[in-house]
Amino acid sequence: MCLAIPGKVVEIYSNEGLQMARVRFGGVTREACLDYVPETQLGDYVLVHVGFAISRVDEEEARRTYEALAELDQLGELEAPEVGEGSRSGS
């Protein structure tokens, strides 16, 4: 099952014309495209599905969603290593 996971935007940058972000999910940071939610600001919470931020949510909603996903044991994919600074190009 594919789910959208809430995370906090910790960096916003452009990569080859796309608005991108580093999004923190608990202790894991991943890249996400912000083109579907261009109004996103640093510190906002977004729902990320397959590398795309698909909507913004408030901090309380992000917390509740994350807790529910943890209870359902649906956060396993976030155990992969963090995105490193060297993984971006064009920033």
N, C-alpha and C. Protein backbone atom coordinates (compact mmCIF):
# COMPACT_ATOMS: atom_id res chain seq x y z
N MET A 1 0.84 -1.17 0.00
CA MET A 1 0.00 0.00 0.00
C MET A 1 0.89 1.23 0.00
N CYS A 2 0.58 2.20 -0.82
CA CYS A 2 1.32 3.46 -0.87
C CYS A 2 0.53 4.52 -0.12
N LEU A 3 1.23 5.21 0.79
CA LEU A 3 0.59 6.23 1.60
C LEU A 3 1.35 7.53 1.49
N ALA A 4 0.67 8.63 1.73
CA ALA A 4 1.34 9.92 1.84
C ALA A 4 1.79 10.08 3.28
N ILE A 5 3.04 10.46 3.47
CA ILE A 5 3.64 10.59 4.80
C ILE A 5 3.85 12.07 5.10
N PRO A 6 3.48 12.54 6.31
CA PRO A 6 3.69 13.95 6.65
C PRO A 6 5.14 14.19 7.07
N GLY A 7 5.66 15.35 6.67
CA GLY A 7 7.01 15.74 7.06
C GLY A 7 7.14 17.24 7.09
N LYS A 8 8.20 17.71 7.73
CA LYS A 8 8.47 19.14 7.88
C LYS A 8 9.50 19.59 6.85
N VAL A 9 9.20 20.66 6.14
CA VAL A 9 10.11 21.22 5.14
C VAL A 9 11.25 21.93 5.86
N VAL A 10 12.49 21.46 5.65
CA VAL A 10 13.64 22.04 6.32
C VAL A 10 14.56 22.81 5.37
N GLU A 11 14.31 22.66 4.07
CA GLU A 11 15.10 23.40 3.07
C GLU A 11 14.29 23.43 1.77
N ILE A 12 14.34 24.57 1.09
CA ILE A 12 13.69 24.70 -0.22
C ILE A 12 14.75 25.18 -1.21
N TYR A 13 14.77 24.57 -2.39
CA TYR A 13 15.75 24.93 -3.41
C TYR A 13 15.20 24.59 -4.78
N SER A 14 15.87 25.05 -5.81
CA SER A 14 15.49 24.75 -7.19
C SER A 14 16.48 23.75 -7.77
N ASN A 15 15.95 22.81 -8.55
CA ASN A 15 16.80 21.81 -9.20
C ASN A 15 16.28 21.61 -10.62
N GLU A 16 17.04 22.10 -11.59
CA GLU A 16 16.67 21.97 -13.00
C GLU A 16 15.25 22.48 -13.26
N GLY A 17 14.92 23.62 -12.66
CA GLY A 17 13.63 24.25 -12.88
C GLY A 17 12.50 23.75 -12.00
N LEU A 18 12.74 22.75 -11.17
CA LEU A 18 11.72 22.24 -10.25
C LEU A 18 11.93 22.82 -8.86
N GLN A 19 10.83 23.17 -8.20
CA GLN A 19 10.92 23.60 -6.81
C GLN A 19 10.99 22.34 -5.95
N MET A 20 12.07 22.20 -5.21
CA MET A 20 12.34 21.00 -4.42
C MET A 20 12.50 21.36 -2.95
N ALA A 21 12.43 20.33 -2.11
CA ALA A 21 12.63 20.54 -0.68
C ALA A 21 13.30 19.32 -0.07
N ARG A 22 13.96 19.57 1.05
CA ARG A 22 14.37 18.50 1.94
C ARG A 22 13.29 18.47 3.00
N VAL A 23 12.69 17.30 3.20
CA VAL A 23 11.58 17.15 4.13
C VAL A 23 11.99 16.15 5.20
N ARG A 24 11.80 16.53 6.47
CA ARG A 24 12.18 15.67 7.59
C ARG A 24 10.97 14.90 8.09
N PHE A 25 11.11 13.59 8.15
CA PHE A 25 10.10 12.68 8.66
C PHE A 25 10.69 12.05 9.92
N GLY A 26 10.39 12.59 11.08
CA GLY A 26 11.04 12.09 12.29
C GLY A 26 12.53 12.36 12.18
N GLY A 27 13.34 11.31 12.19
CA GLY A 27 14.79 11.46 12.09
C GLY A 27 15.34 11.26 10.69
N VAL A 28 14.49 11.09 9.69
CA VAL A 28 14.91 10.82 8.32
C VAL A 28 14.57 12.01 7.44
N THR A 29 15.48 12.38 6.56
CA THR A 29 15.26 13.49 5.63
C THR A 29 15.28 12.96 4.21
N ARG A 30 14.29 13.37 3.42
CA ARG A 30 14.20 12.95 2.01
C ARG A 30 13.92 14.15 1.13
N GLU A 31 14.20 14.00 -0.15
CA GLU A 31 13.86 15.02 -1.14
C GLU A 31 12.41 14.86 -1.56
N ALA A 32 11.77 16.00 -1.86
CA ALA A 32 10.41 15.98 -2.39
C ALA A 32 10.24 17.15 -3.34
N CYS A 33 9.49 16.93 -4.38
CA CYS A 33 9.16 18.00 -5.33
C CYS A 33 7.99 18.80 -4.77
N LEU A 34 8.09 20.13 -4.81
CA LEU A 34 7.05 21.02 -4.29
C LEU A 34 6.19 21.63 -5.39
N ASP A 35 6.33 21.20 -6.62
CA ASP A 35 5.60 21.85 -7.71
C ASP A 35 4.08 21.76 -7.57
N TYR A 36 3.55 20.76 -6.88
CA TYR A 36 2.10 20.67 -6.67
C TYR A 36 1.62 21.59 -5.56
N VAL A 37 2.53 22.05 -4.70
CA VAL A 37 2.19 22.94 -3.59
C VAL A 37 3.20 24.09 -3.55
N PRO A 38 3.21 24.94 -4.59
CA PRO A 38 4.24 25.97 -4.71
C PRO A 38 4.19 27.03 -3.61
N GLU A 39 3.09 27.12 -2.87
CA GLU A 39 2.97 28.11 -1.79
C GLU A 39 3.67 27.65 -0.51
N THR A 40 4.25 26.46 -0.51
CA THR A 40 4.92 25.91 0.67
C THR A 40 6.09 26.80 1.10
N GLN A 41 6.19 27.01 2.40
CA GLN A 41 7.25 27.81 3.00
C GLN A 41 8.13 26.92 3.88
N LEU A 42 9.33 27.39 4.16
CA LEU A 42 10.23 26.72 5.08
C LEU A 42 9.52 26.55 6.42
N GLY A 43 9.55 25.35 6.99
CA GLY A 43 8.91 25.07 8.27
C GLY A 43 7.50 24.53 8.15
N ASP A 44 6.90 24.58 6.95
CA ASP A 44 5.57 24.01 6.73
C ASP A 44 5.63 22.49 6.79
N TYR A 45 4.48 21.89 7.04
CA TYR A 45 4.34 20.44 6.98
C TYR A 45 3.61 20.08 5.70
N VAL A 46 4.10 19.05 5.02
CA VAL A 46 3.49 18.59 3.77
C VAL A 46 3.28 17.09 3.82
N LEU A 47 2.30 16.62 3.05
CA LEU A 47 2.11 15.18 2.84
C LEU A 47 2.87 14.81 1.58
N VAL A 48 3.76 13.82 1.68
CA VAL A 48 4.61 13.43 0.56
C VAL A 48 4.22 12.02 0.12
N HIS A 49 3.99 11.88 -1.19
CA HIS A 49 3.66 10.59 -1.79
C HIS A 49 4.59 10.38 -2.98
N VAL A 50 5.33 9.30 -2.98
CA VAL A 50 6.31 8.92 -4.02
C VAL A 50 7.16 10.11 -4.48
N GLY A 51 7.67 10.89 -3.52
CA GLY A 51 8.59 11.97 -3.84
C GLY A 51 7.96 13.29 -4.20
N PHE A 52 6.64 13.39 -4.13
CA PHE A 52 5.94 14.64 -4.44
C PHE A 52 5.14 15.10 -3.23
N ALA A 53 5.32 16.35 -2.83
CA ALA A 53 4.46 16.94 -1.80
C ALA A 53 3.11 17.19 -2.48
N ILE A 54 2.04 16.60 -1.91
CA ILE A 54 0.73 16.70 -2.57
C ILE A 54 -0.23 17.63 -1.84
N SER A 55 0.07 17.99 -0.59
CA SER A 55 -0.74 18.98 0.12
C SER A 55 0.01 19.45 1.35
N ARG A 56 -0.41 20.61 1.85
CA ARG A 56 0.13 21.11 3.11
C ARG A 56 -0.83 20.74 4.23
N VAL A 57 -0.29 20.50 5.41
CA VAL A 57 -1.10 20.20 6.60
C VAL A 57 -0.51 20.98 7.76
N ASP A 58 -1.33 21.19 8.81
CA ASP A 58 -0.78 21.87 9.98
C ASP A 58 -0.01 20.86 10.83
N GLU A 59 0.73 21.36 11.79
CA GLU A 59 1.61 20.51 12.60
C GLU A 59 0.83 19.45 13.36
N GLU A 60 -0.33 19.80 13.91
CA GLU A 60 -1.14 18.85 14.66
C GLU A 60 -1.63 17.71 13.76
N GLU A 61 -2.09 18.03 12.57
CA GLU A 61 -2.54 17.00 11.63
C GLU A 61 -1.38 16.10 11.23
N ALA A 62 -0.20 16.68 11.00
CA ALA A 62 0.98 15.88 10.67
C ALA A 62 1.30 14.91 11.80
N ARG A 63 1.25 15.39 13.04
CA ARG A 63 1.54 14.53 14.19
C ARG A 63 0.54 13.38 14.28
N ARG A 64 -0.74 13.69 14.16
CA ARG A 64 -1.77 12.63 14.25
C ARG A 64 -1.61 11.60 13.14
N THR A 65 -1.34 12.06 11.93
CA THR A 65 -1.17 11.14 10.81
C THR A 65 0.06 10.26 11.01
N TYR A 66 1.15 10.86 11.44
CA TYR A 66 2.38 10.10 11.67
C TYR A 66 2.17 9.03 12.74
N GLU A 67 1.48 9.40 13.82
CA GLU A 67 1.19 8.44 14.89
C GLU A 67 0.32 7.30 14.39
N ALA A 68 -0.70 7.62 13.59
CA ALA A 68 -1.57 6.57 13.05
C ALA A 68 -0.79 5.63 12.14
N LEU A 69 0.08 6.17 11.29
CA LEU A 69 0.88 5.34 10.41
C LEU A 69 1.85 4.47 11.20
N ALA A 70 2.40 5.01 12.29
CA ALA A 70 3.29 4.23 13.14
C ALA A 70 2.53 3.06 13.77
N GLU A 71 1.32 3.31 14.24
CA GLU A 71 0.50 2.25 14.82
C GLU A 71 0.19 1.15 13.81
N LEU A 72 0.03 1.53 12.55
CA LEU A 72 -0.26 0.57 11.49
C LEU A 72 1.01 -0.06 10.92
N ASP A 73 2.17 0.30 11.46
CA ASP A 73 3.46 -0.20 11.00
C ASP A 73 3.68 0.10 9.52
N GLN A 74 3.37 1.34 9.11
CA GLN A 74 3.49 1.74 7.71
C GLN A 74 4.65 2.73 7.49
N LEU A 75 5.59 2.79 8.41
CA LEU A 75 6.69 3.75 8.27
C LEU A 75 8.02 3.08 7.95
N GLY A 76 8.00 1.80 7.57
CA GLY A 76 9.22 1.05 7.31
C GLY A 76 10.11 1.64 6.24
N GLU A 77 9.53 2.23 5.20
CA GLU A 77 10.34 2.79 4.12
C GLU A 77 11.17 3.98 4.56
N LEU A 78 10.83 4.57 5.70
CA LEU A 78 11.59 5.71 6.19
C LEU A 78 12.86 5.29 6.93
N GLU A 79 13.13 4.01 7.00
CA GLU A 79 14.32 3.54 7.69
C GLU A 79 15.55 3.56 6.79
N ALA A 80 15.40 3.93 5.52
CA ALA A 80 16.53 4.04 4.60
C ALA A 80 17.40 5.24 5.00
N PRO A 81 18.64 5.30 4.56
CA PRO A 81 19.53 6.41 4.92
C PRO A 81 18.97 7.76 4.48
N GLU A 82 19.42 8.80 5.18
CA GLU A 82 19.02 10.17 4.86
C GLU A 82 19.60 10.61 3.53
N VAL A 83 18.97 11.60 2.91
CA VAL A 83 19.50 12.22 1.71
C VAL A 83 20.71 13.04 2.12
N GLY A 84 21.82 12.84 1.45
CA GLY A 84 23.04 13.57 1.79
C GLY A 84 23.14 14.87 1.01
N GLU A 85 23.93 15.77 1.49
CA GLU A 85 24.13 17.04 0.82
C GLU A 85 24.66 16.83 -0.60
N GLY A 86 25.47 15.79 -0.81
CA GLY A 86 26.06 15.56 -2.12
C GLY A 86 25.11 14.96 -3.12
N SER A 87 23.88 14.63 -2.73
CA SER A 87 22.96 13.96 -3.65
C SER A 87 22.24 14.93 -4.57
N ARG A 88 22.29 16.23 -4.27
CA ARG A 88 21.61 17.21 -5.10
C ARG A 88 22.55 17.72 -6.17
N SER A 89 21.96 18.05 -7.30
CA SER A 89 22.75 18.70 -8.33
C SER A 89 22.04 19.97 -8.76
N GLY A 90 22.76 20.94 -9.17
CA GLY A 90 22.16 22.15 -9.69
C GLY A 90 21.64 23.09 -8.63
N SER A 91 22.02 22.93 -7.37
CA SER A 91 21.52 23.85 -6.35
C SER A 91 22.57 24.86 -5.94
